[in-house]
Amino acid sequence: MMNRNTLVLVRNLALVGLLVLAFGLTGCSSCKDFQLQIDQLNTQVADLQKDVADREAVIKEREDIAAELKGSLKDCQNENAVLVEQSEEVVTISIPDQLGFASGQVIVLDTMVPTLEAIAATVRQHPDWDVFVEGYTDNLKISEEYQEYWPTNWELGAFRAAAVVRYMTNQLNLPAERFAAVSYGPFRPVADNSTPEGRAQNRMVRVVLHKPEK
């Protein structure tokens, strides 16, 4: 399926062709007007060609990043626990909380470190890509013993996302300006919260790599 820029590019190329044809049929009575329109459309076509080429380059790099991550996760034996996905111009790495955090806690576990190291290695290789870390939870109420620290799942998701950012910037020495942390709490579930299995899938941290527009 063609994206919007490609469709506009095809349309403008067709318009250039029609104007050139009309230019030839009408003689020189409107030469200047036709030439001006053709020049304007040629400029738009050139800009769109560059946009399409840039997008294709980003998609190719996205594919390379996903392949690198899958290889690195296989090396650290976490490829079955961690999900790497591609969508549009981003790469998403979903890390289940049983790999990363103890129940109700926000301290990065040792079991999560190899995954973060694999992600960090890829982030270093692609310095133009930024990193969003997103915290997700199930919809169960926070246990009373932890409500003093995070009253709702919003806070728990936020603390976990921030803990991952902190580890990757402090322990793994990645530049903090490339990172952002956000919490979606229980409000973007990927599975049914009415079952233990579904709730387990909804408790995770996602690392999203994307290349910002210049």
N, C-alpha and C. Protein backbone atom coordinates (compact mmCIF):
# COMPACT_ATOMS: atom_id res chain seq x y z
N MET A 1 0.84 -1.19 0.00
CA MET A 1 0.00 0.00 0.00
C MET A 1 0.88 1.25 0.00
N MET A 2 0.56 2.22 -0.87
CA MET A 2 1.36 3.43 -0.94
C MET A 2 1.00 4.37 0.19
N ASN A 3 2.03 5.04 0.78
CA ASN A 3 1.75 6.02 1.82
C ASN A 3 1.35 7.35 1.19
N ARG A 4 0.99 8.30 2.04
CA ARG A 4 0.45 9.58 1.55
C ARG A 4 1.46 10.30 0.66
N ASN A 5 2.74 10.36 1.08
CA ASN A 5 3.75 11.06 0.28
C ASN A 5 3.90 10.44 -1.10
N THR A 6 3.85 9.11 -1.17
CA THR A 6 4.00 8.44 -2.46
C THR A 6 2.81 8.76 -3.37
N LEU A 7 1.60 8.77 -2.80
CA LEU A 7 0.41 9.10 -3.58
C LEU A 7 0.48 10.53 -4.12
N VAL A 8 0.92 11.46 -3.26
CA VAL A 8 1.04 12.86 -3.72
C VAL A 8 2.11 12.96 -4.80
N LEU A 9 3.19 12.22 -4.65
CA LEU A 9 4.25 12.23 -5.65
C LEU A 9 3.73 11.75 -6.99
N VAL A 10 2.99 10.64 -7.01
CA VAL A 10 2.42 10.13 -8.26
C VAL A 10 1.47 11.15 -8.87
N ARG A 11 0.64 11.76 -8.02
CA ARG A 11 -0.31 12.77 -8.53
C ARG A 11 0.43 13.94 -9.18
N ASN A 12 1.47 14.43 -8.51
CA ASN A 12 2.19 15.59 -9.04
C ASN A 12 2.97 15.25 -10.31
N LEU A 13 3.49 14.03 -10.39
CA LEU A 13 4.15 13.63 -11.63
C LEU A 13 3.15 13.61 -12.79
N ALA A 14 1.93 13.13 -12.49
CA ALA A 14 0.89 13.13 -13.52
C ALA A 14 0.54 14.55 -13.94
N LEU A 15 0.48 15.48 -12.96
CA LEU A 15 0.17 16.87 -13.28
C LEU A 15 1.25 17.49 -14.14
N VAL A 16 2.50 17.18 -13.83
CA VAL A 16 3.60 17.70 -14.64
C VAL A 16 3.45 17.22 -16.08
N GLY A 17 3.12 15.92 -16.23
CA GLY A 17 2.94 15.39 -17.58
C GLY A 17 1.82 16.08 -18.33
N LEU A 18 0.69 16.32 -17.64
CA LEU A 18 -0.44 16.99 -18.27
C LEU A 18 -0.09 18.41 -18.67
N LEU A 19 0.66 19.11 -17.80
CA LEU A 19 1.03 20.49 -18.12
C LEU A 19 1.98 20.54 -19.30
N VAL A 20 2.90 19.59 -19.34
CA VAL A 20 3.82 19.55 -20.48
C VAL A 20 3.05 19.31 -21.77
N LEU A 21 2.07 18.38 -21.73
CA LEU A 21 1.24 18.10 -22.89
C LEU A 21 0.45 19.34 -23.29
N ALA A 22 -0.17 20.01 -22.30
CA ALA A 22 -0.94 21.21 -22.60
C ALA A 22 -0.05 22.31 -23.16
N PHE A 23 1.15 22.41 -22.62
CA PHE A 23 2.12 23.39 -23.10
C PHE A 23 2.39 23.20 -24.60
N GLY A 24 2.54 21.93 -24.98
CA GLY A 24 2.82 21.65 -26.38
C GLY A 24 1.63 21.92 -27.29
N LEU A 25 0.42 21.72 -26.77
CA LEU A 25 -0.77 21.89 -27.59
C LEU A 25 -1.19 23.35 -27.75
N THR A 26 -0.90 24.17 -26.79
CA THR A 26 -1.41 25.54 -26.82
C THR A 26 -0.45 26.54 -27.43
N GLY A 27 0.73 26.11 -27.76
CA GLY A 27 1.69 27.06 -28.30
C GLY A 27 2.27 27.92 -27.19
N CYS A 28 2.59 29.19 -27.54
CA CYS A 28 3.29 30.04 -26.58
C CYS A 28 2.44 31.13 -25.97
N SER A 29 1.14 31.08 -26.18
CA SER A 29 0.30 32.15 -25.65
C SER A 29 0.33 32.19 -24.13
N SER A 30 0.52 31.04 -23.52
CA SER A 30 0.58 31.01 -22.06
C SER A 30 1.89 30.38 -21.58
N CYS A 31 2.95 30.60 -22.35
CA CYS A 31 4.22 29.94 -22.05
C CYS A 31 4.71 30.20 -20.64
N LYS A 32 4.68 31.46 -20.25
CA LYS A 32 5.24 31.81 -18.94
C LYS A 32 4.43 31.17 -17.81
N ASP A 33 3.09 31.21 -17.93
CA ASP A 33 2.25 30.63 -16.88
C ASP A 33 2.46 29.12 -16.76
N PHE A 34 2.50 28.46 -17.92
CA PHE A 34 2.72 27.01 -17.89
C PHE A 34 4.09 26.67 -17.32
N GLN A 35 5.09 27.43 -17.73
CA GLN A 35 6.44 27.15 -17.25
C GLN A 35 6.54 27.34 -15.74
N LEU A 36 5.86 28.39 -15.23
CA LEU A 36 5.87 28.64 -13.80
C LEU A 36 5.22 27.47 -13.04
N GLN A 37 4.07 27.00 -13.55
CA GLN A 37 3.38 25.87 -12.91
C GLN A 37 4.25 24.62 -12.96
N ILE A 38 4.88 24.39 -14.11
CA ILE A 38 5.74 23.20 -14.23
C ILE A 38 6.91 23.29 -13.25
N ASP A 39 7.52 24.47 -13.15
CA ASP A 39 8.65 24.64 -12.22
C ASP A 39 8.22 24.40 -10.78
N GLN A 40 7.04 24.92 -10.42
CA GLN A 40 6.54 24.73 -9.06
C GLN A 40 6.29 23.25 -8.76
N LEU A 41 5.67 22.57 -9.72
CA LEU A 41 5.39 21.15 -9.54
C LEU A 41 6.68 20.32 -9.51
N ASN A 42 7.64 20.70 -10.32
CA ASN A 42 8.93 20.00 -10.31
C ASN A 42 9.61 20.12 -8.94
N THR A 43 9.48 21.31 -8.35
CA THR A 43 10.05 21.51 -7.01
C THR A 43 9.34 20.63 -5.99
N GLN A 44 8.00 20.60 -6.08
CA GLN A 44 7.24 19.74 -5.15
C GLN A 44 7.59 18.27 -5.35
N VAL A 45 7.74 17.86 -6.60
CA VAL A 45 8.09 16.47 -6.89
C VAL A 45 9.46 16.13 -6.29
N ALA A 46 10.42 17.04 -6.46
CA ALA A 46 11.75 16.80 -5.91
C ALA A 46 11.71 16.68 -4.39
N ASP A 47 10.93 17.57 -3.75
CA ASP A 47 10.81 17.51 -2.29
C ASP A 47 10.17 16.19 -1.84
N LEU A 48 9.12 15.79 -2.54
CA LEU A 48 8.43 14.55 -2.18
C LEU A 48 9.31 13.33 -2.44
N GLN A 49 10.08 13.36 -3.53
CA GLN A 49 11.00 12.26 -3.79
C GLN A 49 12.01 12.12 -2.65
N LYS A 50 12.45 13.25 -2.14
CA LYS A 50 13.38 13.21 -1.01
C LYS A 50 12.69 12.66 0.24
N ASP A 51 11.44 13.10 0.48
CA ASP A 51 10.69 12.60 1.64
C ASP A 51 10.50 11.09 1.56
N VAL A 52 10.13 10.61 0.37
CA VAL A 52 9.93 9.16 0.20
C VAL A 52 11.24 8.41 0.42
N ALA A 53 12.33 8.93 -0.14
CA ALA A 53 13.63 8.28 0.02
C ALA A 53 14.06 8.27 1.49
N ASP A 54 13.81 9.38 2.18
CA ASP A 54 14.16 9.44 3.61
C ASP A 54 13.35 8.43 4.41
N ARG A 55 12.07 8.32 4.11
CA ARG A 55 11.22 7.37 4.84
C ARG A 55 11.65 5.94 4.57
N GLU A 56 11.98 5.65 3.32
CA GLU A 56 12.44 4.30 2.98
C GLU A 56 13.74 3.97 3.71
N ALA A 57 14.61 4.98 3.87
CA ALA A 57 15.87 4.76 4.59
C ALA A 57 15.60 4.48 6.06
N VAL A 58 14.63 5.20 6.65
CA VAL A 58 14.28 4.97 8.05
C VAL A 58 13.71 3.56 8.24
N ILE A 59 12.85 3.15 7.31
CA ILE A 59 12.26 1.81 7.40
C ILE A 59 13.33 0.74 7.28
N LYS A 60 14.30 0.94 6.39
CA LYS A 60 15.41 -0.01 6.26
C LYS A 60 16.21 -0.07 7.55
N GLU A 61 16.48 1.08 8.15
CA GLU A 61 17.22 1.10 9.41
C GLU A 61 16.40 0.45 10.52
N ARG A 62 15.07 0.68 10.51
CA ARG A 62 14.20 0.03 11.49
C ARG A 62 14.32 -1.48 11.39
N GLU A 63 14.33 -2.00 10.17
CA GLU A 63 14.47 -3.44 9.98
C GLU A 63 15.82 -3.94 10.49
N ASP A 64 16.87 -3.16 10.27
CA ASP A 64 18.19 -3.53 10.77
C ASP A 64 18.21 -3.55 12.30
N ILE A 65 17.57 -2.55 12.91
CA ILE A 65 17.53 -2.48 14.37
C ILE A 65 16.80 -3.69 14.95
N ALA A 66 15.66 -4.03 14.36
CA ALA A 66 14.89 -5.18 14.84
C ALA A 66 15.71 -6.46 14.73
N ALA A 67 16.42 -6.62 13.61
CA ALA A 67 17.25 -7.81 13.42
C ALA A 67 18.39 -7.86 14.44
N GLU A 68 19.01 -6.71 14.68
CA GLU A 68 20.08 -6.64 15.68
C GLU A 68 19.57 -7.04 17.06
N LEU A 69 18.42 -6.50 17.42
CA LEU A 69 17.86 -6.78 18.75
C LEU A 69 17.51 -8.26 18.91
N LYS A 70 16.90 -8.84 17.89
CA LYS A 70 16.53 -10.25 17.99
C LYS A 70 17.77 -11.12 18.14
N GLY A 71 18.84 -10.77 17.41
CA GLY A 71 20.08 -11.51 17.55
C GLY A 71 20.70 -11.36 18.93
N SER A 72 20.69 -10.14 19.45
CA SER A 72 21.27 -9.89 20.78
C SER A 72 20.46 -10.59 21.87
N LEU A 73 19.14 -10.55 21.76
CA LEU A 73 18.28 -11.20 22.76
C LEU A 73 18.44 -12.71 22.71
N LYS A 74 18.68 -13.25 21.52
CA LYS A 74 18.93 -14.68 21.41
C LYS A 74 20.24 -15.03 22.11
N ASP A 75 21.24 -14.18 21.96
CA ASP A 75 22.53 -14.41 22.61
C ASP A 75 22.41 -14.43 24.13
N CYS A 76 21.53 -13.57 24.68
CA CYS A 76 21.36 -13.54 26.13
C CYS A 76 20.19 -14.41 26.59
N GLN A 77 19.68 -15.23 25.67
CA GLN A 77 18.66 -16.25 25.97
C GLN A 77 17.35 -15.65 26.48
N ASN A 78 17.04 -14.44 26.00
CA ASN A 78 15.78 -13.81 26.39
C ASN A 78 14.84 -13.61 25.21
N GLU A 79 15.15 -14.25 24.07
CA GLU A 79 14.34 -14.00 22.88
C GLU A 79 12.93 -14.54 23.02
N ASN A 80 12.71 -15.52 23.90
CA ASN A 80 11.37 -16.07 24.07
C ASN A 80 10.53 -15.25 25.05
N ALA A 81 11.20 -14.51 25.94
CA ALA A 81 10.48 -13.72 26.93
C ALA A 81 10.18 -12.31 26.44
N VAL A 82 11.04 -11.78 25.58
CA VAL A 82 10.95 -10.39 25.13
C VAL A 82 10.44 -10.35 23.69
N LEU A 83 9.45 -9.49 23.44
CA LEU A 83 8.85 -9.39 22.12
C LEU A 83 9.37 -8.16 21.39
N VAL A 84 9.92 -8.38 20.20
CA VAL A 84 10.40 -7.28 19.35
C VAL A 84 9.45 -7.14 18.17
N GLU A 85 8.88 -5.95 17.99
CA GLU A 85 7.93 -5.71 16.92
C GLU A 85 8.31 -4.47 16.12
N GLN A 86 7.88 -4.44 14.85
CA GLN A 86 8.09 -3.28 13.99
C GLN A 86 6.72 -2.75 13.56
N SER A 87 6.61 -1.43 13.54
CA SER A 87 5.37 -0.81 13.09
C SER A 87 5.69 0.58 12.54
N GLU A 88 5.28 0.80 11.28
CA GLU A 88 5.58 2.08 10.63
C GLU A 88 7.08 2.37 10.74
N GLU A 89 7.45 3.38 11.52
CA GLU A 89 8.86 3.76 11.59
C GLU A 89 9.42 3.62 13.01
N VAL A 90 8.87 2.69 13.79
CA VAL A 90 9.36 2.47 15.16
C VAL A 90 9.62 0.98 15.39
N VAL A 91 10.47 0.72 16.38
CA VAL A 91 10.71 -0.64 16.87
C VAL A 91 10.30 -0.67 18.33
N THR A 92 9.50 -1.68 18.71
CA THR A 92 9.00 -1.79 20.07
C THR A 92 9.51 -3.08 20.70
N ILE A 93 10.06 -2.94 21.92
CA ILE A 93 10.54 -4.09 22.68
C ILE A 93 9.69 -4.20 23.94
N SER A 94 8.92 -5.28 24.08
CA SER A 94 8.04 -5.47 25.24
C SER A 94 8.72 -6.43 26.21
N ILE A 95 8.91 -5.96 27.45
CA ILE A 95 9.61 -6.74 28.48
C ILE A 95 8.61 -7.06 29.59
N PRO A 96 8.27 -8.33 29.83
CA PRO A 96 7.30 -8.66 30.87
C PRO A 96 7.85 -8.35 32.26
N ASP A 97 6.95 -7.98 33.17
CA ASP A 97 7.43 -7.55 34.49
C ASP A 97 8.05 -8.70 35.28
N GLN A 98 7.70 -9.96 34.98
CA GLN A 98 8.31 -11.05 35.71
C GLN A 98 9.80 -11.18 35.39
N LEU A 99 10.21 -10.61 34.26
CA LEU A 99 11.62 -10.57 33.91
C LEU A 99 12.30 -9.36 34.53
N GLY A 100 11.52 -8.30 34.80
CA GLY A 100 12.14 -7.04 35.20
C GLY A 100 11.95 -6.60 36.62
N PHE A 101 10.80 -6.94 37.25
CA PHE A 101 10.50 -6.38 38.56
C PHE A 101 9.83 -7.42 39.45
N ALA A 102 10.12 -7.33 40.76
CA ALA A 102 9.37 -8.12 41.73
C ALA A 102 7.99 -7.51 41.89
N SER A 103 7.05 -8.29 42.40
CA SER A 103 5.68 -7.83 42.55
C SER A 103 5.61 -6.56 43.39
N GLY A 104 4.98 -5.51 42.84
CA GLY A 104 4.82 -4.26 43.55
C GLY A 104 6.09 -3.46 43.73
N GLN A 105 7.17 -3.85 43.05
CA GLN A 105 8.45 -3.18 43.22
C GLN A 105 8.87 -2.44 41.95
N VAL A 106 9.84 -1.54 42.11
CA VAL A 106 10.29 -0.74 40.97
C VAL A 106 11.81 -0.80 40.80
N ILE A 107 12.46 -1.76 41.44
CA ILE A 107 13.90 -1.92 41.31
C ILE A 107 14.18 -2.91 40.18
N VAL A 108 15.02 -2.54 39.24
CA VAL A 108 15.35 -3.40 38.10
C VAL A 108 16.05 -4.66 38.60
N LEU A 109 15.49 -5.82 38.26
CA LEU A 109 16.08 -7.09 38.68
C LEU A 109 17.26 -7.47 37.80
N ASP A 110 18.15 -8.31 38.34
CA ASP A 110 19.30 -8.78 37.57
C ASP A 110 18.86 -9.53 36.31
N THR A 111 17.70 -10.18 36.37
CA THR A 111 17.21 -10.93 35.20
C THR A 111 16.88 -10.03 34.02
N MET A 112 16.66 -8.76 34.30
CA MET A 112 16.34 -7.82 33.22
C MET A 112 17.60 -7.19 32.62
N VAL A 113 18.70 -7.22 33.33
CA VAL A 113 19.90 -6.50 32.92
C VAL A 113 20.41 -6.95 31.54
N PRO A 114 20.52 -8.26 31.25
CA PRO A 114 21.00 -8.63 29.90
C PRO A 114 20.14 -8.05 28.78
N THR A 115 18.84 -7.99 28.98
CA THR A 115 17.95 -7.40 27.97
C THR A 115 18.25 -5.91 27.80
N LEU A 116 18.40 -5.20 28.90
CA LEU A 116 18.70 -3.77 28.82
C LEU A 116 20.07 -3.53 28.18
N GLU A 117 21.03 -4.40 28.47
CA GLU A 117 22.35 -4.27 27.85
C GLU A 117 22.27 -4.50 26.34
N ALA A 118 21.44 -5.46 25.92
CA ALA A 118 21.28 -5.71 24.49
C ALA A 118 20.63 -4.51 23.80
N ILE A 119 19.61 -3.94 24.44
CA ILE A 119 18.96 -2.75 23.89
C ILE A 119 19.94 -1.58 23.84
N ALA A 120 20.72 -1.41 24.91
CA ALA A 120 21.68 -0.31 24.97
C ALA A 120 22.71 -0.41 23.85
N ALA A 121 23.16 -1.63 23.55
CA ALA A 121 24.14 -1.80 22.47
C ALA A 121 23.57 -1.33 21.14
N THR A 122 22.31 -1.64 20.88
CA THR A 122 21.67 -1.20 19.64
C THR A 122 21.47 0.32 19.65
N VAL A 123 21.06 0.87 20.79
CA VAL A 123 20.85 2.32 20.89
C VAL A 123 22.15 3.06 20.58
N ARG A 124 23.29 2.53 21.04
CA ARG A 124 24.58 3.17 20.77
C ARG A 124 24.91 3.14 19.29
N GLN A 125 24.50 2.08 18.60
CA GLN A 125 24.81 1.94 17.19
C GLN A 125 23.95 2.83 16.30
N HIS A 126 22.90 3.40 16.88
CA HIS A 126 21.97 4.23 16.10
C HIS A 126 21.72 5.54 16.86
N PRO A 127 22.69 6.43 16.85
CA PRO A 127 22.62 7.63 17.69
C PRO A 127 21.54 8.63 17.31
N ASP A 128 20.94 8.48 16.12
CA ASP A 128 19.88 9.41 15.71
C ASP A 128 18.49 8.97 16.19
N TRP A 129 18.42 7.84 16.86
CA TRP A 129 17.13 7.31 17.31
C TRP A 129 16.92 7.62 18.78
N ASP A 130 15.72 8.07 19.12
CA ASP A 130 15.36 8.34 20.51
C ASP A 130 14.67 7.14 21.12
N VAL A 131 14.53 7.17 22.45
CA VAL A 131 14.01 6.02 23.17
C VAL A 131 12.89 6.46 24.12
N PHE A 132 11.71 5.92 23.94
CA PHE A 132 10.61 6.09 24.88
C PHE A 132 10.49 4.82 25.71
N VAL A 133 10.39 4.97 27.01
CA VAL A 133 10.16 3.82 27.89
C VAL A 133 8.78 3.98 28.51
N GLU A 134 7.91 2.97 28.29
CA GLU A 134 6.51 3.05 28.70
C GLU A 134 6.21 1.99 29.76
N GLY A 135 5.53 2.41 30.83
CA GLY A 135 5.15 1.49 31.88
C GLY A 135 3.69 1.09 31.77
N TYR A 136 3.41 -0.22 31.84
CA TYR A 136 2.05 -0.76 31.77
C TYR A 136 1.80 -1.65 32.98
N THR A 137 0.56 -1.70 33.42
CA THR A 137 0.19 -2.54 34.56
C THR A 137 -1.13 -3.27 34.25
N ASP A 138 -1.51 -4.18 35.16
CA ASP A 138 -2.86 -4.72 35.08
C ASP A 138 -3.82 -3.76 35.78
N ASN A 139 -5.06 -4.17 36.00
CA ASN A 139 -6.05 -3.26 36.59
C ASN A 139 -6.36 -3.57 38.05
N LEU A 140 -5.56 -4.43 38.68
CA LEU A 140 -5.78 -4.72 40.09
C LEU A 140 -5.31 -3.57 40.96
N LYS A 141 -6.02 -3.34 42.04
CA LYS A 141 -5.67 -2.26 42.96
C LYS A 141 -4.31 -2.54 43.60
N ILE A 142 -3.54 -1.48 43.79
CA ILE A 142 -2.24 -1.62 44.45
C ILE A 142 -2.43 -2.12 45.87
N SER A 143 -1.60 -3.07 46.30
CA SER A 143 -1.67 -3.58 47.67
C SER A 143 -1.47 -2.46 48.68
N GLU A 144 -2.16 -2.56 49.79
CA GLU A 144 -2.10 -1.50 50.80
C GLU A 144 -0.68 -1.23 51.27
N GLU A 145 0.15 -2.24 51.35
CA GLU A 145 1.52 -2.05 51.83
C GLU A 145 2.35 -1.16 50.91
N TYR A 146 1.91 -1.03 49.65
CA TYR A 146 2.67 -0.22 48.69
C TYR A 146 1.99 1.10 48.34
N GLN A 147 0.77 1.32 48.81
CA GLN A 147 0.02 2.51 48.41
C GLN A 147 0.65 3.80 48.91
N GLU A 148 1.45 3.72 49.94
CA GLU A 148 2.15 4.91 50.42
C GLU A 148 3.14 5.42 49.36
N TYR A 149 3.68 4.50 48.56
CA TYR A 149 4.70 4.86 47.57
C TYR A 149 4.10 5.14 46.20
N TRP A 150 3.16 4.32 45.78
CA TRP A 150 2.46 4.55 44.52
C TRP A 150 0.97 4.24 44.72
N PRO A 151 0.19 5.28 44.93
CA PRO A 151 -1.23 5.12 45.27
C PRO A 151 -2.05 4.38 44.21
N THR A 152 -1.66 4.51 42.93
CA THR A 152 -2.41 3.87 41.86
C THR A 152 -1.43 3.23 40.88
N ASN A 153 -2.00 2.52 39.91
CA ASN A 153 -1.18 1.90 38.88
C ASN A 153 -0.49 2.92 37.97
N TRP A 154 -1.05 4.12 37.90
CA TRP A 154 -0.36 5.18 37.15
C TRP A 154 1.05 5.37 37.69
N GLU A 155 1.14 5.53 39.01
CA GLU A 155 2.45 5.77 39.63
C GLU A 155 3.37 4.56 39.49
N LEU A 156 2.81 3.39 39.67
CA LEU A 156 3.65 2.19 39.55
C LEU A 156 4.24 2.07 38.15
N GLY A 157 3.40 2.27 37.13
CA GLY A 157 3.91 2.22 35.75
C GLY A 157 4.96 3.29 35.50
N ALA A 158 4.73 4.49 36.05
CA ALA A 158 5.67 5.59 35.85
C ALA A 158 7.00 5.31 36.53
N PHE A 159 6.97 4.80 37.78
CA PHE A 159 8.19 4.49 38.50
C PHE A 159 8.99 3.41 37.78
N ARG A 160 8.30 2.41 37.25
CA ARG A 160 9.01 1.34 36.55
C ARG A 160 9.65 1.85 35.26
N ALA A 161 8.92 2.67 34.52
CA ALA A 161 9.50 3.25 33.30
C ALA A 161 10.71 4.11 33.65
N ALA A 162 10.57 4.91 34.70
CA ALA A 162 11.69 5.78 35.12
C ALA A 162 12.87 4.95 35.61
N ALA A 163 12.60 3.82 36.27
CA ALA A 163 13.68 2.96 36.76
C ALA A 163 14.50 2.41 35.60
N VAL A 164 13.81 2.04 34.50
CA VAL A 164 14.52 1.54 33.33
C VAL A 164 15.35 2.66 32.69
N VAL A 165 14.76 3.84 32.57
CA VAL A 165 15.51 4.98 32.02
C VAL A 165 16.72 5.28 32.89
N ARG A 166 16.52 5.29 34.18
CA ARG A 166 17.63 5.58 35.10
C ARG A 166 18.75 4.55 34.96
N TYR A 167 18.39 3.29 34.84
CA TYR A 167 19.41 2.24 34.71
C TYR A 167 20.18 2.42 33.40
N MET A 168 19.46 2.69 32.32
CA MET A 168 20.12 2.77 31.01
C MET A 168 20.99 4.02 30.88
N THR A 169 20.62 5.08 31.58
CA THR A 169 21.42 6.31 31.51
C THR A 169 22.52 6.33 32.56
N ASN A 170 22.26 5.81 33.75
CA ASN A 170 23.27 5.83 34.83
C ASN A 170 24.24 4.65 34.74
N GLN A 171 23.68 3.42 34.73
CA GLN A 171 24.54 2.24 34.73
C GLN A 171 25.12 1.92 33.34
N LEU A 172 24.35 2.17 32.31
CA LEU A 172 24.79 1.82 30.96
C LEU A 172 25.29 3.02 30.17
N ASN A 173 25.29 4.19 30.81
CA ASN A 173 25.95 5.40 30.28
C ASN A 173 25.41 5.87 28.92
N LEU A 174 24.11 5.73 28.73
CA LEU A 174 23.51 6.30 27.53
C LEU A 174 23.09 7.74 27.80
N PRO A 175 23.09 8.59 26.78
CA PRO A 175 22.76 10.02 27.00
C PRO A 175 21.30 10.22 27.38
N ALA A 176 21.09 10.89 28.50
CA ALA A 176 19.73 11.06 29.03
C ALA A 176 18.82 11.85 28.09
N GLU A 177 19.40 12.73 27.28
CA GLU A 177 18.55 13.56 26.41
C GLU A 177 17.87 12.74 25.31
N ARG A 178 18.24 11.51 25.14
CA ARG A 178 17.60 10.66 24.14
C ARG A 178 16.40 9.89 24.69
N PHE A 179 16.13 10.04 26.00
CA PHE A 179 15.14 9.20 26.65
C PHE A 179 13.93 10.01 27.12
N ALA A 180 12.79 9.31 27.19
CA ALA A 180 11.59 9.83 27.84
C ALA A 180 10.90 8.66 28.52
N ALA A 181 10.23 8.93 29.65
CA ALA A 181 9.50 7.90 30.39
C ALA A 181 8.04 8.31 30.49
N VAL A 182 7.14 7.33 30.32
CA VAL A 182 5.71 7.60 30.38
C VAL A 182 5.00 6.39 30.98
N SER A 183 3.86 6.64 31.64
CA SER A 183 3.06 5.54 32.19
C SER A 183 1.68 5.52 31.54
N TYR A 184 1.27 4.33 31.10
CA TYR A 184 -0.10 4.12 30.64
C TYR A 184 -0.92 3.35 31.67
N GLY A 185 -0.26 2.93 32.76
CA GLY A 185 -0.97 2.22 33.81
C GLY A 185 -1.75 1.05 33.23
N PRO A 186 -3.02 0.89 33.64
CA PRO A 186 -3.83 -0.23 33.17
C PRO A 186 -4.68 0.10 31.93
N PHE A 187 -4.48 1.27 31.34
CA PHE A 187 -5.46 1.77 30.38
C PHE A 187 -5.18 1.42 28.92
N ARG A 188 -4.11 0.69 28.63
CA ARG A 188 -3.88 0.21 27.27
C ARG A 188 -3.53 -1.28 27.33
N PRO A 189 -4.46 -2.10 27.82
CA PRO A 189 -4.16 -3.52 27.97
C PRO A 189 -4.00 -4.22 26.62
N VAL A 190 -3.14 -5.23 26.62
CA VAL A 190 -2.96 -6.04 25.41
C VAL A 190 -3.70 -7.37 25.54
N ALA A 191 -4.23 -7.66 26.73
CA ALA A 191 -4.93 -8.91 26.97
C ALA A 191 -6.07 -8.66 27.96
N ASP A 192 -6.83 -9.71 28.22
CA ASP A 192 -8.01 -9.62 29.08
C ASP A 192 -7.60 -9.57 30.55
N ASN A 193 -7.95 -8.46 31.23
CA ASN A 193 -7.61 -8.31 32.64
C ASN A 193 -8.46 -9.18 33.58
N SER A 194 -9.40 -9.90 33.03
CA SER A 194 -10.26 -10.73 33.89
C SER A 194 -9.64 -12.09 34.20
N THR A 195 -8.49 -12.40 33.58
CA THR A 195 -7.83 -13.68 33.83
C THR A 195 -6.40 -13.43 34.32
N PRO A 196 -5.86 -14.34 35.13
CA PRO A 196 -4.47 -14.19 35.59
C PRO A 196 -3.48 -14.14 34.43
N GLU A 197 -3.74 -14.94 33.40
CA GLU A 197 -2.84 -14.96 32.25
C GLU A 197 -2.86 -13.62 31.51
N GLY A 198 -4.07 -13.07 31.36
CA GLY A 198 -4.17 -11.77 30.70
C GLY A 198 -3.51 -10.67 31.50
N ARG A 199 -3.73 -10.68 32.81
CA ARG A 199 -3.12 -9.64 33.65
C ARG A 199 -1.60 -9.73 33.59
N ALA A 200 -1.06 -10.95 33.53
CA ALA A 200 0.39 -11.12 33.44
C ALA A 200 0.93 -10.50 32.16
N GLN A 201 0.19 -10.64 31.05
CA GLN A 201 0.62 -10.03 29.79
C GLN A 201 0.57 -8.51 29.83
N ASN A 202 -0.36 -7.97 30.61
CA ASN A 202 -0.52 -6.51 30.68
C ASN A 202 0.52 -5.83 31.56
N ARG A 203 1.20 -6.59 32.39
CA ARG A 203 2.23 -6.01 33.25
C ARG A 203 3.57 -6.06 32.51
N MET A 204 4.01 -4.93 32.04
CA MET A 204 5.24 -4.92 31.23
C MET A 204 5.81 -3.51 31.14
N VAL A 205 7.03 -3.47 30.63
CA VAL A 205 7.66 -2.21 30.22
C VAL A 205 7.95 -2.32 28.73
N ARG A 206 7.63 -1.27 28.00
CA ARG A 206 7.93 -1.25 26.58
C ARG A 206 8.99 -0.20 26.30
N VAL A 207 9.97 -0.58 25.51
CA VAL A 207 11.00 0.35 25.04
C VAL A 207 10.74 0.59 23.56
N VAL A 208 10.50 1.84 23.21
CA VAL A 208 10.13 2.19 21.84
C VAL A 208 11.25 3.05 21.24
N LEU A 209 11.84 2.55 20.16
CA LEU A 209 12.87 3.29 19.45
C LEU A 209 12.27 3.96 18.22
N HIS A 210 12.51 5.24 18.09
CA HIS A 210 11.99 5.96 16.92
C HIS A 210 12.99 7.04 16.51
N LYS A 211 12.95 7.37 15.23
CA LYS A 211 13.86 8.39 14.70
C LYS A 211 13.08 9.68 14.52
N PRO A 212 13.38 10.70 15.32
CA PRO A 212 12.60 11.94 15.21
C PRO A 212 12.88 12.65 13.89
N GLU A 213 11.88 13.37 13.40
CA GLU A 213 12.06 14.13 12.17
C GLU A 213 13.01 15.29 12.42
N LYS A 214 13.82 15.58 11.43
CA LYS A 214 14.77 16.68 11.56
C LYS A 214 14.03 18.00 11.39
